[in-house]
Structure formats: structure tokens, C-alpha cells
Amino acid sequence: MDIFPASRALSTCGIVAMSSIRLATAANVRALHELSNALNTGDATFAEQINAEELEDEIGRFRVWSGNLGALQQGHSSLDYRLRGT
């Protein structure tokens, strides 16, 4: 199972595009928000398994963590830029 589908989609001849970390991080943020929306509007079966407030806290923590790393930034301040060639 590929846990980084965005990086695979951006790969050309084995070379991953510079913004793969940013795009993967943004995809994870979107997926977390979709999960939150599904819990709030969907079947109560899953709402019993995941606490909505705790999920929102985790989403916030993920955004702060990824923001501190520069995972959602573009250009010279991005994590992609800082890790190029390593």
C-alpha cells in the first residue's frame, strides 16, 4: 500500500517533484477535514468510535506541526526546498 500517493503521482522517471511534501500535507489536511465533516453529518456508528472534539484538536496540532516545519509553504521557506538534494 502506498502511503504517499501524491508523491507517486508527481513522480517522473523516479524523480519526485519539488512540491510533493506540500501537496501530500495539504491532502492530509483535506482528508482530516473530510473525516471531521463525515463524523458530524454521517452515521452515528463511527461518531461513537472517534470523539469529534479530539479529532479537531488533532487537526489543529497537525496544522501547527506541519506549519512549523514549513510543509505547507512554497519557495525558499518550504520543507521541500530545504530537503532538496538530501
Foldseek 3Di string as FASTA:
>chain_A
DDPQVQQVVQDDPNDGDLLSLQVSLVVVLVVLVVVLVCLVPHDVPVCVVDPSVVSVVVSVVSCVVCVVCQSNPDDPSHNSNVPPPD
